[in-house]
Amino acid sequence: MKLRSLTAAGITLAVTCTTMGLGGAGIASASTTSAKNTKNTRACVQILQKGKSKPSKPTCYENYRAAIAAATNRGITDAPVNAREAATNKTFQARLARLGKAAPKGQAAATGETPYLLAQLFTEANFGGTALVYMGAQSCERDNGTDYQRPYVGDEFNDAISAVKTYSDCRANLHEDRDFQGANIGWLYGEWSYVGDAMNDRTSSIELG
């Protein structure tokens, strides 16, 4: 996280909205979206291991379709080309939600099967910009603990996250600094089209649980 000041009110607002179970749009409006490049189709994929994943770089692709094909071991080869179109396509989202469902909850998918989609992070509000797709061999257990950890989201996504989607019973907690330090937004579940002014473009590490 770059040195910036965070207002206590901003953080309180984000956590309060999480506790109430409101959608991301309930935190604040994303007024700068139109000023960003909406034609960006780049997407990256990272396979996570349970617990704190070792530092590694995501594998990036020129478009979202290629990224999802790689993430699903070519189980899905006809994804939309850009992340925002995919995020608003209910039929496609239902397909993503079914990934890994053949394995019992909390257990690893069999070798060769498509792994679980855990979460997607986006560099623009409303699920636009470059997407970072997290995959794993197991779903989250939803036992109030942390299943997956990324102590650093990587140079391309550091201080760049504006929206989040979670899958496979996972919640996401965004942290301002590396190694889960600094301010955090609290557990987010489901679709958050905007993470709020307090955490927009400030995330450096993430927990999934």
C-alpha atoms as a PDB file:
ATOM      1  CA  MET A   1       0.000   0.000   0.000  1.00  0.00           C
ATOM      2  CA  LYS A   2       1.324   3.422  -0.903  1.00  0.00           C
ATOM      3  CA  LEU A   3       1.451   5.955   1.911  1.00  0.00           C
ATOM      4  CA  ARG A   4      -2.007   7.469   2.038  1.00  0.00           C
ATOM      5  CA  SER A   5      -4.332   8.577   4.786  1.00  0.00           C
ATOM      6  CA  LEU A   6      -7.488   6.565   5.461  1.00  0.00           C
ATOM      7  CA  THR A   7     -10.340   8.220   7.296  1.00  0.00           C
ATOM      8  CA  ALA A   8     -11.769   6.270  10.183  1.00  0.00           C
ATOM      9  CA  ALA A   9     -15.245   7.091   8.948  1.00  0.00           C
ATOM     10  CA  GLY A  10     -14.521   5.512   5.587  1.00  0.00           C
ATOM     11  CA  ILE A  11     -13.380   2.250   7.093  1.00  0.00           C
ATOM     12  CA  THR A  12     -16.289   2.163   9.529  1.00  0.00           C
ATOM     13  CA  LEU A  13     -18.726   2.657   6.677  1.00  0.00           C
ATOM     14  CA  ALA A  14     -17.251  -0.253   4.707  1.00  0.00           C
ATOM     15  CA  VAL A  15     -17.371  -2.623   7.672  1.00  0.00           C
ATOM     16  CA  THR A  16     -20.895  -1.564   8.598  1.00  0.00           C
ATOM     17  CA  CYS A  17     -22.142  -2.329   5.101  1.00  0.00           C
ATOM     18  CA  THR A  18     -20.476  -5.733   5.216  1.00  0.00           C
ATOM     19  CA  THR A  19     -22.122  -6.570   8.514  1.00  0.00           C
ATOM     20  CA  MET A  20     -25.527  -5.620   7.173  1.00  0.00           C
ATOM     21  CA  GLY A  21     -24.987  -7.791   4.103  1.00  0.00           C
ATOM     22  CA  LEU A  22     -25.441  -4.948   1.635  1.00  0.00           C
ATOM     23  CA  GLY A  23     -24.107  -5.142  -1.919  1.00  0.00           C
ATOM     24  CA  GLY A  24     -20.993  -3.306  -2.960  1.00  0.00           C
ATOM     25  CA  ALA A  25     -23.026  -0.569  -4.588  1.00  0.00           C
ATOM     26  CA  GLY A  26     -24.364   0.272  -1.131  1.00  0.00           C
ATOM     27  CA  ILE A  27     -20.984   1.511   0.076  1.00  0.00           C
ATOM     28  CA  ALA A  28     -20.465   4.293  -2.422  1.00  0.00           C
ATOM     29  CA  SER A  29     -20.979   5.084  -6.058  1.00  0.00           C
ATOM     30  CA  ALA A  30     -18.133   4.530  -8.508  1.00  0.00           C
ATOM     31  CA  SER A  31     -18.079   7.952 -10.102  1.00  0.00           C
ATOM     32  CA  THR A  32     -14.781   7.540 -11.916  1.00  0.00           C
ATOM     33  CA  THR A  33     -15.643   4.401 -13.880  1.00  0.00           C
ATOM     34  CA  SER A  34     -16.436   6.191 -17.131  1.00  0.00           C
ATOM     35  CA  ALA A  35     -13.034   7.853 -17.084  1.00  0.00           C
ATOM     36  CA  LYS A  36     -11.226   4.509 -17.154  1.00  0.00           C
ATOM     37  CA  ASN A  37     -10.484   2.348 -20.147  1.00  0.00           C
ATOM     38  CA  THR A  38     -13.494   0.041 -20.591  1.00  0.00           C
ATOM     39  CA  LYS A  39     -11.911  -1.827 -23.526  1.00  0.00           C
ATOM     40  CA  ASN A  40      -9.349  -3.641 -21.376  1.00  0.00           C
ATOM     41  CA  THR A  41      -9.692  -7.410 -21.901  1.00  0.00           C
ATOM     42  CA  ARG A  42      -6.551  -8.591 -20.058  1.00  0.00           C
ATOM     43  CA  ALA A  43      -7.010 -11.209 -17.307  1.00  0.00           C
ATOM     44  CA  CYS A  44      -4.732 -13.195 -15.004  1.00  0.00           C
ATOM     45  CA  VAL A  45      -5.076 -16.550 -13.243  1.00  0.00           C
ATOM     46  CA  GLN A  46      -3.539 -17.804 -10.025  1.00  0.00           C
ATOM     47  CA  ILE A  47      -3.916 -21.256  -8.452  1.00  0.00           C
ATOM     48  CA  LEU A  48      -3.984 -21.031  -4.649  1.00  0.00           C
ATOM     49  CA  GLN A  49      -3.100 -23.647  -2.061  1.00  0.00           C
ATOM     50  CA  LYS A  50      -4.864 -23.899   1.294  1.00  0.00           C
ATOM     51  CA  GLY A  51      -3.294 -21.643   3.910  1.00  0.00           C
ATOM     52  CA  LYS A  52      -0.759 -18.943   3.085  1.00  0.00           C
ATOM     53  CA  SER A  53       0.230 -19.390  -0.558  1.00  0.00           C
ATOM     54  CA  LYS A  54       3.899 -19.018  -1.414  1.00  0.00           C
ATOM     55  CA  PRO A  55       4.801 -15.820  -3.291  1.00  0.00           C
ATOM     56  CA  SER A  56       4.280 -16.288  -7.007  1.00  0.00           C
ATOM     57  CA  LYS A  57       3.201 -14.308 -10.028  1.00  0.00           C
ATOM     58  CA  PRO A  58      -0.180 -14.823 -11.708  1.00  0.00           C
ATOM     59  CA  THR A  59      -0.189 -16.079 -15.293  1.00  0.00           C
ATOM     60  CA  CYS A  60      -1.731 -13.396 -17.499  1.00  0.00           C
ATOM     61  CA  TYR A  61      -3.530 -13.618 -20.841  1.00  0.00           C
ATOM     62  CA  GLU A  62      -4.529 -11.119 -23.493  1.00  0.00           C
ATOM     63  CA  ASN A  63      -8.243 -11.610 -22.826  1.00  0.00           C
ATOM     64  CA  TYR A  64     -10.678 -13.044 -20.296  1.00  0.00           C
ATOM     65  CA  ARG A  65     -11.717 -15.938 -22.536  1.00  0.00           C
ATOM     66  CA  ALA A  66      -8.157 -17.257 -22.742  1.00  0.00           C
ATOM     67  CA  ALA A  67      -7.698 -16.848 -18.991  1.00  0.00           C
ATOM     68  CA  ILE A  68     -10.827 -18.832 -18.124  1.00  0.00           C
ATOM     69  CA  ALA A  69      -9.915 -21.562 -20.614  1.00  0.00           C
ATOM     70  CA  ALA A  70      -6.572 -21.960 -18.857  1.00  0.00           C
ATOM     71  CA  ALA A  71      -8.079 -21.711 -15.365  1.00  0.00           C
ATOM     72  CA  THR A  72     -10.601 -24.467 -16.080  1.00  0.00           C
ATOM     73  CA  ASN A  73      -8.195 -26.807 -17.877  1.00  0.00           C
ATOM     74  CA  ARG A  74     -10.114 -25.920 -21.040  1.00  0.00           C
ATOM     75  CA  GLY A  75     -13.384 -26.947 -19.426  1.00  0.00           C
ATOM     76  CA  ILE A  76     -14.794 -23.566 -20.504  1.00  0.00           C
ATOM     77  CA  THR A  77     -13.477 -22.232 -23.815  1.00  0.00           C
ATOM     78  CA  ASP A  78     -16.281 -19.861 -24.830  1.00  0.00           C
ATOM     79  CA  ALA A  79     -16.170 -17.264 -22.049  1.00  0.00           C
ATOM     80  CA  PRO A  80     -16.796 -13.615 -22.973  1.00  0.00           C
ATOM     81  CA  VAL A  81     -13.684 -11.778 -24.114  1.00  0.00           C
ATOM     82  CA  ASN A  82     -13.761  -9.163 -21.343  1.00  0.00           C
ATOM     83  CA  ALA A  83     -14.433  -9.461 -17.621  1.00  0.00           C
ATOM     84  CA  ARG A  84     -17.277  -6.957 -17.378  1.00  0.00           C
ATOM     85  CA  GLU A  85     -19.338  -8.722 -20.040  1.00  0.00           C
ATOM     86  CA  ALA A  86     -18.747 -12.036 -18.261  1.00  0.00           C
ATOM     87  CA  ALA A  87     -19.727 -10.588 -14.885  1.00  0.00           C
ATOM     88  CA  THR A  88     -23.103  -9.398 -16.157  1.00  0.00           C
ATOM     89  CA  ASN A  89     -23.948 -12.591 -18.063  1.00  0.00           C
ATOM     90  CA  LYS A  90     -26.129 -14.609 -15.649  1.00  0.00           C
ATOM     91  CA  THR A  91     -25.924 -17.803 -17.698  1.00  0.00           C
ATOM     92  CA  PHE A  92     -22.132 -17.673 -17.759  1.00  0.00           C
ATOM     93  CA  GLN A  93     -21.956 -16.851 -14.041  1.00  0.00           C
ATOM     94  CA  ALA A  94     -24.058 -19.944 -13.318  1.00  0.00           C
ATOM     95  CA  ARG A  95     -21.515 -22.039 -15.219  1.00  0.00           C
ATOM     96  CA  LEU A  96     -18.684 -20.582 -13.156  1.00  0.00           C
ATOM     97  CA  ALA A  97     -20.581 -21.286  -9.937  1.00  0.00           C
ATOM     98  CA  ARG A  98     -20.798 -24.972 -10.841  1.00  0.00           C
ATOM     99  CA  LEU A  99     -17.023 -25.437 -11.192  1.00  0.00           C
ATOM    100  CA  GLY A 100     -15.710 -28.188  -8.938  1.00  0.00           C
ATOM    101  CA  LYS A 101     -19.159 -29.096  -7.624  1.00  0.00           C
ATOM    102  CA  ALA A 102     -18.583 -32.790  -8.314  1.00  0.00           C
ATOM    103  CA  ALA A 103     -16.363 -32.986  -5.234  1.00  0.00           C
ATOM    104  CA  PRO A 104     -17.918 -33.038  -1.724  1.00  0.00           C
ATOM    105  CA  LYS A 105     -17.844 -29.683   0.073  1.00  0.00           C
ATOM    106  CA  GLY A 106     -14.449 -28.966   1.625  1.00  0.00           C
ATOM    107  CA  GLN A 107     -12.719 -31.792  -0.254  1.00  0.00           C
ATOM    108  CA  ALA A 108     -10.326 -31.550  -3.165  1.00  0.00           C
ATOM    109  CA  ALA A 109     -11.507 -32.147  -6.699  1.00  0.00           C
ATOM    110  CA  ALA A 110     -10.148 -35.323  -8.272  1.00  0.00           C
ATOM    111  CA  THR A 111      -6.979 -35.084 -10.340  1.00  0.00           C
ATOM    112  CA  GLY A 112      -7.754 -33.845 -13.824  1.00  0.00           C
ATOM    113  CA  GLU A 113     -11.083 -32.267 -12.895  1.00  0.00           C
ATOM    114  CA  THR A 114     -11.727 -28.552 -13.118  1.00  0.00           C
ATOM    115  CA  PRO A 115     -10.772 -26.858  -9.819  1.00  0.00           C
ATOM    116  CA  TYR A 116     -13.014 -24.486  -7.887  1.00  0.00           C
ATOM    117  CA  LEU A 117     -13.312 -20.824  -8.762  1.00  0.00           C
ATOM    118  CA  LEU A 118     -12.690 -19.013  -5.464  1.00  0.00           C
ATOM    119  CA  ALA A 119     -12.836 -15.315  -6.289  1.00  0.00           C
ATOM    120  CA  GLN A 120     -12.240 -12.683  -8.925  1.00  0.00           C
ATOM    121  CA  LEU A 121     -10.730  -9.246  -8.341  1.00  0.00           C
ATOM    122  CA  PHE A 122     -11.177  -6.394 -10.810  1.00  0.00           C
ATOM    123  CA  THR A 123      -9.202  -3.200 -11.391  1.00  0.00           C
ATOM    124  CA  GLU A 124     -12.299  -1.189 -12.292  1.00  0.00           C
ATOM    125  CA  ALA A 125     -15.658  -0.766 -10.599  1.00  0.00           C
ATOM    126  CA  ASN A 126     -18.605  -2.728 -11.973  1.00  0.00           C
ATOM    127  CA  PHE A 127     -16.305  -5.717 -12.621  1.00  0.00           C
ATOM    128  CA  GLY A 128     -14.297  -4.079 -15.395  1.00  0.00           C
ATOM    129  CA  GLY A 129     -10.631  -3.636 -16.207  1.00  0.00           C
ATOM    130  CA  THR A 130      -8.092  -6.401 -15.686  1.00  0.00           C
ATOM    131  CA  ALA A 131      -9.410  -9.435 -13.801  1.00  0.00           C
ATOM    132  CA  LEU A 132      -7.425 -11.571 -11.346  1.00  0.00           C
ATOM    133  CA  VAL A 133      -8.984 -15.042 -11.145  1.00  0.00           C
ATOM    134  CA  TYR A 134      -8.241 -17.194  -8.087  1.00  0.00           C
ATOM    135  CA  MET A 135      -8.678 -20.968  -8.436  1.00  0.00           C
ATOM    136  CA  GLY A 136      -8.208 -23.741  -5.867  1.00  0.00           C
ATOM    137  CA  ALA A 137      -8.644 -27.482  -5.388  1.00  0.00           C
ATOM    138  CA  GLN A 138     -11.172 -27.007  -2.570  1.00  0.00           C
ATOM    139  CA  SER A 139     -14.075 -24.732  -1.769  1.00  0.00           C
ATOM    140  CA  CYS A 140     -14.034 -22.535   1.345  1.00  0.00           C
ATOM    141  CA  GLU A 141     -15.443 -24.124   4.492  1.00  0.00           C
ATOM    142  CA  ARG A 142     -17.323 -21.082   5.834  1.00  0.00           C
ATOM    143  CA  ASP A 143     -16.364 -21.892   9.430  1.00  0.00           C
ATOM    144  CA  ASN A 144     -15.346 -18.304  10.261  1.00  0.00           C
ATOM    145  CA  GLY A 145     -11.722 -19.199   9.591  1.00  0.00           C
ATOM    146  CA  THR A 146      -9.367 -18.362   6.722  1.00  0.00           C
ATOM    147  CA  ASP A 147      -8.903 -20.980   4.003  1.00  0.00           C
ATOM    148  CA  TYR A 148      -6.661 -19.193   1.495  1.00  0.00           C
ATOM    149  CA  GLN A 149      -4.245 -16.291   1.938  1.00  0.00           C
ATOM    150  CA  ARG A 150      -2.317 -14.108  -0.477  1.00  0.00           C
ATOM    151  CA  PRO A 151       0.156 -11.978   1.514  1.00  0.00           C
ATOM    152  CA  TYR A 152       0.742  -9.888  -1.624  1.00  0.00           C
ATOM    153  CA  VAL A 153      -1.551  -9.624  -4.641  1.00  0.00           C
ATOM    154  CA  GLY A 154       1.317  -8.833  -7.017  1.00  0.00           C
ATOM    155  CA  ASP A 155       2.693  -5.685  -8.600  1.00  0.00           C
ATOM    156  CA  GLU A 156       0.024  -5.415 -11.308  1.00  0.00           C
ATOM    157  CA  PHE A 157      -2.849  -5.555  -8.822  1.00  0.00           C
ATOM    158  CA  ASN A 158      -1.305  -3.802  -5.828  1.00  0.00           C
ATOM    159  CA  ASP A 159      -3.302  -0.652  -5.021  1.00  0.00           C
ATOM    160  CA  ALA A 160      -5.525  -1.329  -8.034  1.00  0.00           C
ATOM    161  CA  ILE A 161      -8.564  -3.371  -6.887  1.00  0.00           C
ATOM    162  CA  SER A 162     -12.013  -1.773  -7.228  1.00  0.00           C
ATOM    163  CA  ALA A 163     -14.493  -4.691  -7.348  1.00  0.00           C
ATOM    164  CA  VAL A 164     -14.773  -8.276  -6.065  1.00  0.00           C
ATOM    165  CA  LYS A 165     -16.783 -11.426  -6.790  1.00  0.00           C
ATOM    166  CA  THR A 166     -16.605 -14.522  -4.576  1.00  0.00           C
ATOM    167  CA  TYR A 167     -17.574 -18.121  -5.353  1.00  0.00           C
ATOM    168  CA  SER A 168     -17.466 -21.627  -3.815  1.00  0.00           C
ATOM    169  CA  ASP A 169     -18.669 -20.480  -0.367  1.00  0.00           C
ATOM    170  CA  CYS A 170     -15.733 -18.072  -0.075  1.00  0.00           C
ATOM    171  CA  ARG A 171     -15.695 -14.624   1.492  1.00  0.00           C
ATOM    172  CA  ALA A 172     -12.946 -12.103   0.787  1.00  0.00           C
ATOM    173  CA  ASN A 173     -11.208  -9.716   3.163  1.00  0.00           C
ATOM    174  CA  LEU A 174      -9.083  -7.016   1.520  1.00  0.00           C
ATOM    175  CA  HIS A 175      -6.136  -5.581   3.451  1.00  0.00           C
ATOM    176  CA  GLU A 176      -4.459  -2.237   2.893  1.00  0.00           C
ATOM    177  CA  ASP A 177      -0.884  -3.478   3.346  1.00  0.00           C
ATOM    178  CA  ARG A 178       1.116  -6.608   2.611  1.00  0.00           C
ATOM    179  CA  ASP A 179       0.928  -9.568   4.999  1.00  0.00           C
ATOM    180  CA  PHE A 180      -2.617  -8.645   6.046  1.00  0.00           C
ATOM    181  CA  GLN A 181      -1.573  -5.448   7.790  1.00  0.00           C
ATOM    182  CA  GLY A 182      -3.211  -2.028   7.843  1.00  0.00           C
ATOM    183  CA  ALA A 183      -6.899  -1.298   7.436  1.00  0.00           C
ATOM    184  CA  ASN A 184      -9.207  -3.999   6.116  1.00  0.00           C
ATOM    185  CA  ILE A 185     -12.718  -3.982   4.733  1.00  0.00           C
ATOM    186  CA  GLY A 186     -14.149  -6.955   6.621  1.00  0.00           C
ATOM    187  CA  TRP A 187     -15.542 -10.109   5.036  1.00  0.00           C
ATOM    188  CA  LEU A 188     -17.264  -9.612   1.681  1.00  0.00           C
ATOM    189  CA  TYR A 189     -19.480 -12.327   0.218  1.00  0.00           C
ATOM    190  CA  GLY A 190     -20.967 -12.486  -3.269  1.00  0.00           C
ATOM    191  CA  GLU A 191     -20.878  -9.536  -5.660  1.00  0.00           C
ATOM    192  CA  TRP A 192     -19.332  -6.188  -4.772  1.00  0.00           C
ATOM    193  CA  SER A 193     -19.347  -3.914  -7.799  1.00  0.00           C
ATOM    194  CA  TYR A 194     -17.390  -1.305  -5.831  1.00  0.00           C
ATOM    195  CA  VAL A 195     -15.388  -1.893  -2.655  1.00  0.00           C
ATOM    196  CA  GLY A 196     -15.951   1.657  -1.422  1.00  0.00           C
ATOM    197  CA  ASP A 197     -13.871   4.803  -1.279  1.00  0.00           C
ATOM    198  CA  ALA A 198     -12.016   3.658   1.854  1.00  0.00           C
ATOM    199  CA  MET A 199     -10.440   0.635   0.098  1.00  0.00           C
ATOM    200  CA  ASN A 200     -10.640   1.485  -3.595  1.00  0.00           C
ATOM    201  CA  ASP A 201      -7.187   1.132  -5.197  1.00  0.00           C
ATOM    202  CA  ARG A 202      -5.631   0.334  -1.802  1.00  0.00           C
ATOM    203  CA  THR A 203      -5.550  -3.461  -1.526  1.00  0.00           C
ATOM    204  CA  SER A 204      -2.175  -5.194  -1.114  1.00  0.00           C
ATOM    205  CA  SER A 205      -3.123  -8.570   0.424  1.00  0.00           C
ATOM    206  CA  ILE A 206      -6.235 -10.738   0.620  1.00  0.00           C
ATOM    207  CA  GLU A 207      -7.747 -13.544   2.679  1.00  0.00           C
ATOM    208  CA  LEU A 208     -10.429 -15.970   1.494  1.00  0.00           C
ATOM    209  CA  GLY A 209     -12.484 -17.959   3.960  1.00  0.00           C
END
